[in-house]
């Protein structure tokens, strides 16, 4: 079942975050007596409820971001929520009362996840497509190559899963196994999977229309 579109929050005066307003002493969540340390959906919440609420909304956006009309119908509100989420997670991590190790790891995960989604929204719509590809690393110390397939495409890049170790900024060569075309790209983000694979997003280093997609159209054109 598709996750429901969650409320991303309204911000007064066109601001991306309600920061600057004084923080109440108590979390606004029901039956919670913890101190409020962040804003979420126009409510002041404690660290525990911020983390839980942020994860729910990030999961909702992730489940729907690939839908063709998400960017036009919900992109602005989603972007504003992600800006708020990144700002509040940073403020909590750098606050006077430092989080414990688990909370610090959760806040970092939220910050990276929100940043990844924010970048995807700015780069335009994605479409699901499984195209066989060969990924090649020409690292001078440890070159490798691996056959895999795309997960999602855009005019500017693609995502894929890989068994090799990947790092943000790595430059890879992608070869389409259906037509032999090749292009260089740079790793923009990575996320580890329970299977041991790494899910990664690649941005092309040129403006070449590698997938045969028309700019601004969320439908790939394949022979």
C-alpha atoms as a PDB file:
ATOM      1  CA  UNK A   1       0.000   0.000   0.000  1.00  0.00           C
ATOM      2  CA  UNK A   2       1.262   3.448  -0.877  1.00  0.00           C
ATOM      3  CA  UNK A   3       2.239   5.605   2.091  1.00  0.00           C
ATOM      4  CA  UNK A   4      -0.159   8.525   2.631  1.00  0.00           C
ATOM      5  CA  UNK A   5       1.065  11.974   1.757  1.00  0.00           C
ATOM      6  CA  UNK A   6       1.893  13.517   5.107  1.00  0.00           C
ATOM      7  CA  UNK A   7       1.500  17.124   6.128  1.00  0.00           C
ATOM      8  CA  UNK A   8       4.761  18.970   5.567  1.00  0.00           C
ATOM      9  CA  UNK A   9       3.890  22.008   7.643  1.00  0.00           C
ATOM     10  CA  UNK A  10       3.006  25.645   6.960  1.00  0.00           C
ATOM     11  CA  UNK A  11       5.507  28.385   7.548  1.00  0.00           C
ATOM     12  CA  UNK A  12       4.533  31.955   8.277  1.00  0.00           C
ATOM     13  CA  UNK A  13       5.790  34.875   6.263  1.00  0.00           C
ATOM     14  CA  UNK A  14       7.175  32.599   3.554  1.00  0.00           C
ATOM     15  CA  UNK A  15      10.035  31.436   5.788  1.00  0.00           C
ATOM     16  CA  UNK A  16      11.394  27.907   5.403  1.00  0.00           C
ATOM     17  CA  UNK A  17      11.636  27.479   9.169  1.00  0.00           C
ATOM     18  CA  UNK A  18       9.817  28.976  12.157  1.00  0.00           C
ATOM     19  CA  UNK A  19      13.178  29.504  13.874  1.00  0.00           C
ATOM     20  CA  UNK A  20      13.470  32.694  15.824  1.00  0.00           C
ATOM     21  CA  UNK A  21      10.311  32.126  17.843  1.00  0.00           C
ATOM     22  CA  UNK A  22      10.880  31.303  21.471  1.00  0.00           C
ATOM     23  CA  UNK A  23      10.852  27.642  22.411  1.00  0.00           C
ATOM     24  CA  UNK A  24       8.387  26.411  25.043  1.00  0.00           C
ATOM     25  CA  UNK A  25       9.627  24.324  27.940  1.00  0.00           C
ATOM     26  CA  UNK A  26       7.615  21.191  27.168  1.00  0.00           C
ATOM     27  CA  UNK A  27       7.225  18.918  24.146  1.00  0.00           C
ATOM     28  CA  UNK A  28       3.855  19.350  22.439  1.00  0.00           C
ATOM     29  CA  UNK A  29       3.396  15.596  21.879  1.00  0.00           C
ATOM     30  CA  UNK A  30       0.645  14.011  23.945  1.00  0.00           C
ATOM     31  CA  UNK A  31       1.717  12.763  27.378  1.00  0.00           C
ATOM     32  CA  UNK A  32       5.337  13.788  26.832  1.00  0.00           C
ATOM     33  CA  UNK A  33       7.059  15.697  29.632  1.00  0.00           C
ATOM     34  CA  UNK A  34      10.416  16.092  27.863  1.00  0.00           C
ATOM     35  CA  UNK A  35      11.804  19.523  27.029  1.00  0.00           C
ATOM     36  CA  UNK A  36      11.116  20.893  23.549  1.00  0.00           C
ATOM     37  CA  UNK A  37      14.250  21.380  21.453  1.00  0.00           C
ATOM     38  CA  UNK A  38      12.998  21.644  17.846  1.00  0.00           C
ATOM     39  CA  UNK A  39      10.126  22.646  15.591  1.00  0.00           C
ATOM     40  CA  UNK A  40       8.225  20.086  13.509  1.00  0.00           C
ATOM     41  CA  UNK A  41       4.865  20.738  11.787  1.00  0.00           C
ATOM     42  CA  UNK A  42       4.426  24.019  13.689  1.00  0.00           C
ATOM     43  CA  UNK A  43       4.843  22.184  16.988  1.00  0.00           C
ATOM     44  CA  UNK A  44       7.674  22.323  19.477  1.00  0.00           C
ATOM     45  CA  UNK A  45       8.894  18.807  20.190  1.00  0.00           C
ATOM     46  CA  UNK A  46      11.581  16.956  22.105  1.00  0.00           C
ATOM     47  CA  UNK A  47      14.451  15.084  20.454  1.00  0.00           C
ATOM     48  CA  UNK A  48      12.653  11.736  20.556  1.00  0.00           C
ATOM     49  CA  UNK A  49       9.515  13.044  18.862  1.00  0.00           C
ATOM     50  CA  UNK A  50      11.513  15.082  16.339  1.00  0.00           C
ATOM     51  CA  UNK A  51      13.450  11.989  15.269  1.00  0.00           C
ATOM     52  CA  UNK A  52      10.291   9.843  15.023  1.00  0.00           C
ATOM     53  CA  UNK A  53       8.350  12.515  13.130  1.00  0.00           C
ATOM     54  CA  UNK A  54      11.213  13.300  10.766  1.00  0.00           C
ATOM     55  CA  UNK A  55      11.644   9.619   9.877  1.00  0.00           C
ATOM     56  CA  UNK A  56       7.916   9.233   9.127  1.00  0.00           C
ATOM     57  CA  UNK A  57       7.929  12.193   6.760  1.00  0.00           C
ATOM     58  CA  UNK A  58      11.176  11.204   5.061  1.00  0.00           C
ATOM     59  CA  UNK A  59       9.760   7.726   4.460  1.00  0.00           C
ATOM     60  CA  UNK A  60       6.590   9.262   2.997  1.00  0.00           C
ATOM     61  CA  UNK A  61       8.512  11.528   0.620  1.00  0.00           C
ATOM     62  CA  UNK A  62      10.817   8.675  -0.413  1.00  0.00           C
ATOM     63  CA  UNK A  63       7.807   6.454  -1.229  1.00  0.00           C
ATOM     64  CA  UNK A  64       6.211   9.089  -3.463  1.00  0.00           C
ATOM     65  CA  UNK A  65       9.026  11.157  -4.967  1.00  0.00           C
ATOM     66  CA  UNK A  66       9.224   8.966  -8.069  1.00  0.00           C
ATOM     67  CA  UNK A  67       5.562   9.560  -8.943  1.00  0.00           C
ATOM     68  CA  UNK A  68       5.207  11.685 -12.108  1.00  0.00           C
ATOM     69  CA  UNK A  69       3.161  14.493 -10.535  1.00  0.00           C
ATOM     70  CA  UNK A  70       4.840  14.648  -7.134  1.00  0.00           C
ATOM     71  CA  UNK A  71       7.241  17.420  -8.093  1.00  0.00           C
ATOM     72  CA  UNK A  72       4.539  19.710  -9.474  1.00  0.00           C
ATOM     73  CA  UNK A  73       1.889  19.007  -6.826  1.00  0.00           C
ATOM     74  CA  UNK A  74       3.960  18.610  -3.660  1.00  0.00           C
ATOM     75  CA  UNK A  75       7.525  19.607  -4.547  1.00  0.00           C
ATOM     76  CA  UNK A  76       7.474  23.058  -2.960  1.00  0.00           C
ATOM     77  CA  UNK A  77       6.022  21.928   0.371  1.00  0.00           C
ATOM     78  CA  UNK A  78       8.307  18.900   0.457  1.00  0.00           C
ATOM     79  CA  UNK A  79      11.352  21.091  -0.220  1.00  0.00           C
ATOM     80  CA  UNK A  80      10.383  23.475   2.574  1.00  0.00           C
ATOM     81  CA  UNK A  81       9.934  20.582   5.004  1.00  0.00           C
ATOM     82  CA  UNK A  82      13.334  19.141   4.029  1.00  0.00           C
ATOM     83  CA  UNK A  83      14.990  22.522   4.587  1.00  0.00           C
ATOM     84  CA  UNK A  84      13.381  22.696   8.030  1.00  0.00           C
ATOM     85  CA  UNK A  85      14.357  19.102   8.804  1.00  0.00           C
ATOM     86  CA  UNK A  86      18.014  19.680   7.923  1.00  0.00           C
ATOM     87  CA  UNK A  87      18.153  22.926   9.893  1.00  0.00           C
ATOM     88  CA  UNK A  88      16.512  21.509  13.022  1.00  0.00           C
ATOM     89  CA  UNK A  89      18.604  18.307  12.961  1.00  0.00           C
ATOM     90  CA  UNK A  90      21.754  20.434  12.792  1.00  0.00           C
ATOM     91  CA  UNK A  91      20.577  22.688  15.618  1.00  0.00           C
ATOM     92  CA  UNK A  92      19.840  19.705  17.864  1.00  0.00           C
ATOM     93  CA  UNK A  93      23.220  18.126  17.142  1.00  0.00           C
ATOM     94  CA  UNK A  94      24.992  21.392  17.981  1.00  0.00           C
ATOM     95  CA  UNK A  95      22.775  22.401  20.908  1.00  0.00           C
ATOM     96  CA  UNK A  96      23.823  23.135  24.454  1.00  0.00           C
ATOM     97  CA  UNK A  97      22.696  19.653  25.554  1.00  0.00           C
ATOM     98  CA  UNK A  98      24.607  17.305  23.271  1.00  0.00           C
ATOM     99  CA  UNK A  99      22.769  14.169  22.079  1.00  0.00           C
ATOM    100  CA  UNK A 100      23.936  10.702  23.050  1.00  0.00           C
ATOM    101  CA  UNK A 101      25.649   8.421  20.531  1.00  0.00           C
ATOM    102  CA  UNK A 102      22.407   6.835  19.271  1.00  0.00           C
ATOM    103  CA  UNK A 103      20.680  10.198  18.878  1.00  0.00           C
ATOM    104  CA  UNK A 104      23.746  11.620  17.136  1.00  0.00           C
ATOM    105  CA  UNK A 105      23.704   8.738  14.633  1.00  0.00           C
ATOM    106  CA  UNK A 106      19.956   9.210  14.042  1.00  0.00           C
ATOM    107  CA  UNK A 107      20.348  12.953  13.505  1.00  0.00           C
ATOM    108  CA  UNK A 108      23.177  12.390  11.033  1.00  0.00           C
ATOM    109  CA  UNK A 109      21.068   9.818   9.176  1.00  0.00           C
ATOM    110  CA  UNK A 110      18.140  12.263   9.044  1.00  0.00           C
ATOM    111  CA  UNK A 111      20.399  15.060   7.836  1.00  0.00           C
ATOM    112  CA  UNK A 112      21.931  12.942   5.060  1.00  0.00           C
ATOM    113  CA  UNK A 113      18.573  11.451   4.014  1.00  0.00           C
ATOM    114  CA  UNK A 114      16.879  14.873   3.885  1.00  0.00           C
ATOM    115  CA  UNK A 115      19.824  16.294   1.944  1.00  0.00           C
ATOM    116  CA  UNK A 116      19.610  13.445  -0.569  1.00  0.00           C
ATOM    117  CA  UNK A 117      15.866  13.964  -1.097  1.00  0.00           C
ATOM    118  CA  UNK A 118      16.297  17.724  -1.341  1.00  0.00           C
ATOM    119  CA  UNK A 119      18.875  17.261  -4.078  1.00  0.00           C
ATOM    120  CA  UNK A 120      16.566  14.913  -5.962  1.00  0.00           C
ATOM    121  CA  UNK A 121      13.724  17.415  -5.830  1.00  0.00           C
ATOM    122  CA  UNK A 122      15.975  20.138  -7.198  1.00  0.00           C
ATOM    123  CA  UNK A 123      17.187  17.915 -10.043  1.00  0.00           C
ATOM    124  CA  UNK A 124      13.720  17.128 -11.380  1.00  0.00           C
ATOM    125  CA  UNK A 125      11.459  14.058 -11.669  1.00  0.00           C
ATOM    126  CA  UNK A 126      12.683  10.474 -11.747  1.00  0.00           C
ATOM    127  CA  UNK A 127      11.238   7.467 -13.536  1.00  0.00           C
ATOM    128  CA  UNK A 128      11.638   3.799 -12.676  1.00  0.00           C
ATOM    129  CA  UNK A 129      13.477   1.815 -15.321  1.00  0.00           C
ATOM    130  CA  UNK A 130      15.648  -1.306 -15.198  1.00  0.00           C
ATOM    131  CA  UNK A 131      18.287  -0.910 -17.916  1.00  0.00           C
ATOM    132  CA  UNK A 132      21.269  -3.317 -17.896  1.00  0.00           C
ATOM    133  CA  UNK A 133      24.519  -1.413 -17.390  1.00  0.00           C
ATOM    134  CA  UNK A 134      28.194  -2.001 -16.710  1.00  0.00           C
ATOM    135  CA  UNK A 135      29.693   0.213 -14.015  1.00  0.00           C
ATOM    136  CA  UNK A 136      33.447   0.665 -14.245  1.00  0.00           C
ATOM    137  CA  UNK A 137      35.857   2.282 -11.809  1.00  0.00           C
ATOM    138  CA  UNK A 138      39.249   3.171 -13.238  1.00  0.00           C
ATOM    139  CA  UNK A 139      40.813   3.844  -9.853  1.00  0.00           C
ATOM    140  CA  UNK A 140      44.571   3.644 -10.257  1.00  0.00           C
ATOM    141  CA  UNK A 141      45.040   1.471  -7.159  1.00  0.00           C
ATOM    142  CA  UNK A 142      42.037  -0.844  -7.428  1.00  0.00           C
ATOM    143  CA  UNK A 143      40.094  -0.750 -10.702  1.00  0.00           C
ATOM    144  CA  UNK A 144      36.888  -2.794 -10.934  1.00  0.00           C
ATOM    145  CA  UNK A 145      33.744  -3.267 -12.993  1.00  0.00           C
ATOM    146  CA  UNK A 146      30.333  -4.737 -12.227  1.00  0.00           C
ATOM    147  CA  UNK A 147      27.219  -5.566 -14.220  1.00  0.00           C
ATOM    148  CA  UNK A 148      24.026  -4.254 -12.649  1.00  0.00           C
ATOM    149  CA  UNK A 149      20.912  -2.354 -13.722  1.00  0.00           C
ATOM    150  CA  UNK A 150      19.427   1.056 -13.167  1.00  0.00           C
ATOM    151  CA  UNK A 151      16.717   1.657 -10.561  1.00  0.00           C
ATOM    152  CA  UNK A 152      15.592   5.180 -11.459  1.00  0.00           C
ATOM    153  CA  UNK A 153      16.516   7.576 -14.245  1.00  0.00           C
ATOM    154  CA  UNK A 154      16.516  11.305 -14.789  1.00  0.00           C
ATOM    155  CA  UNK A 155      17.871  13.572 -17.484  1.00  0.00           C
ATOM    156  CA  UNK A 156      20.805  14.297 -15.181  1.00  0.00           C
ATOM    157  CA  UNK A 157      21.705  10.817 -13.882  1.00  0.00           C
ATOM    158  CA  UNK A 158      20.460   7.554 -12.402  1.00  0.00           C
ATOM    159  CA  UNK A 159      20.477   5.321  -9.336  1.00  0.00           C
ATOM    160  CA  UNK A 160      21.721   1.743  -9.089  1.00  0.00           C
ATOM    161  CA  UNK A 161      22.762  -0.937  -6.585  1.00  0.00           C
ATOM    162  CA  UNK A 162      26.356  -2.158  -6.399  1.00  0.00           C
ATOM    163  CA  UNK A 163      28.387  -4.727  -4.432  1.00  0.00           C
ATOM    164  CA  UNK A 164      31.593  -2.657  -4.555  1.00  0.00           C
ATOM    165  CA  UNK A 165      32.536   0.059  -2.099  1.00  0.00           C
ATOM    166  CA  UNK A 166      31.421   3.517  -3.228  1.00  0.00           C
ATOM    167  CA  UNK A 167      32.154   7.003  -1.936  1.00  0.00           C
ATOM    168  CA  UNK A 168      30.595  10.384  -2.616  1.00  0.00           C
ATOM    169  CA  UNK A 169      32.506  12.109  -5.380  1.00  0.00           C
ATOM    170  CA  UNK A 170      33.837   8.926  -7.005  1.00  0.00           C
ATOM    171  CA  UNK A 171      33.911   9.172 -10.814  1.00  0.00           C
ATOM    172  CA  UNK A 172      32.602   6.081 -12.613  1.00  0.00           C
ATOM    173  CA  UNK A 173      31.970   5.092 -16.210  1.00  0.00           C
ATOM    174  CA  UNK A 174      28.512   3.754 -17.092  1.00  0.00           C
ATOM    175  CA  UNK A 175      28.147   1.569 -20.200  1.00  0.00           C
ATOM    176  CA  UNK A 176      24.661   0.719 -21.477  1.00  0.00           C
ATOM    177  CA  UNK A 177      24.603  -2.985 -22.300  1.00  0.00           C
ATOM    178  CA  UNK A 178      21.622  -2.560 -24.629  1.00  0.00           C
ATOM    179  CA  UNK A 179      23.310  -0.176 -27.053  1.00  0.00           C
ATOM    180  CA  UNK A 180      26.955   0.247 -25.978  1.00  0.00           C
ATOM    181  CA  UNK A 181      26.715   3.954 -25.178  1.00  0.00           C
ATOM    182  CA  UNK A 182      28.911   5.155 -22.322  1.00  0.00           C
ATOM    183  CA  UNK A 183      29.125   8.218 -20.113  1.00  0.00           C
ATOM    184  CA  UNK A 184      31.065   9.351 -17.056  1.00  0.00           C
ATOM    185  CA  UNK A 185      29.269  10.272 -13.836  1.00  0.00           C
ATOM    186  CA  UNK A 186      30.017  11.283 -10.273  1.00  0.00           C
ATOM    187  CA  UNK A 187      28.591   9.599  -7.162  1.00  0.00           C
ATOM    188  CA  UNK A 188      26.203  12.110  -5.551  1.00  0.00           C
ATOM    189  CA  UNK A 189      24.937   9.998  -2.645  1.00  0.00           C
ATOM    190  CA  UNK A 190      25.114   6.483  -1.213  1.00  0.00           C
ATOM    191  CA  UNK A 191      22.945   4.429   1.138  1.00  0.00           C
ATOM    192  CA  UNK A 192      23.826   1.008   2.563  1.00  0.00           C
ATOM    193  CA  UNK A 193      21.254  -1.776   2.232  1.00  0.00           C
ATOM    194  CA  UNK A 194      20.629  -4.733   4.550  1.00  0.00           C
ATOM    195  CA  UNK A 195      21.619  -7.058   1.690  1.00  0.00           C
ATOM    196  CA  UNK A 196      25.165  -5.699   1.828  1.00  0.00           C
ATOM    197  CA  UNK A 197      24.789  -3.811  -1.436  1.00  0.00           C
ATOM    198  CA  UNK A 198      25.116  -0.051  -1.718  1.00  0.00           C
ATOM    199  CA  UNK A 199      22.393   2.000  -3.364  1.00  0.00           C
ATOM    200  CA  UNK A 200      23.901   5.036  -5.072  1.00  0.00           C
ATOM    201  CA  UNK A 201      22.927   8.018  -7.155  1.00  0.00           C
ATOM    202  CA  UNK A 202      25.067   9.229 -10.052  1.00  0.00           C
ATOM    203  CA  UNK A 203      25.105  12.666 -11.655  1.00  0.00           C
ATOM    204  CA  UNK A 204      26.424  12.909 -15.201  1.00  0.00           C
ATOM    205  CA  UNK A 205      29.456  15.136 -15.699  1.00  0.00           C
ATOM    206  CA  UNK A 206      28.166  16.280 -19.113  1.00  0.00           C
ATOM    207  CA  UNK A 207      24.792  17.440 -20.452  1.00  0.00           C
ATOM    208  CA  UNK A 208      24.510  14.505 -22.835  1.00  0.00           C
ATOM    209  CA  UNK A 209      20.979  13.062 -23.183  1.00  0.00           C
ATOM    210  CA  UNK A 210      22.268   9.610 -22.282  1.00  0.00           C
ATOM    211  CA  UNK A 211      18.892   7.912 -21.700  1.00  0.00           C
ATOM    212  CA  UNK A 212      17.106   9.488 -24.654  1.00  0.00           C
ATOM    213  CA  UNK A 213      14.893  11.508 -22.340  1.00  0.00           C
ATOM    214  CA  UNK A 214      13.547  14.878 -23.341  1.00  0.00           C
ATOM    215  CA  UNK A 215      14.403  17.552 -20.761  1.00  0.00           C
ATOM    216  CA  UNK A 216      11.493  18.196 -18.443  1.00  0.00           C
ATOM    217  CA  UNK A 217       9.545  15.098 -19.549  1.00  0.00           C
ATOM    218  CA  UNK A 218       9.214  12.242 -17.050  1.00  0.00           C
ATOM    219  CA  UNK A 219       9.008   9.536 -19.745  1.00  0.00           C
ATOM    220  CA  UNK A 220      12.129   7.874 -21.127  1.00  0.00           C
ATOM    221  CA  UNK A 221      12.273   7.337 -24.893  1.00  0.00           C
ATOM    222  CA  UNK A 222      13.698   3.917 -25.676  1.00  0.00           C
ATOM    223  CA  UNK A 223      13.941   2.124 -29.031  1.00  0.00           C
END
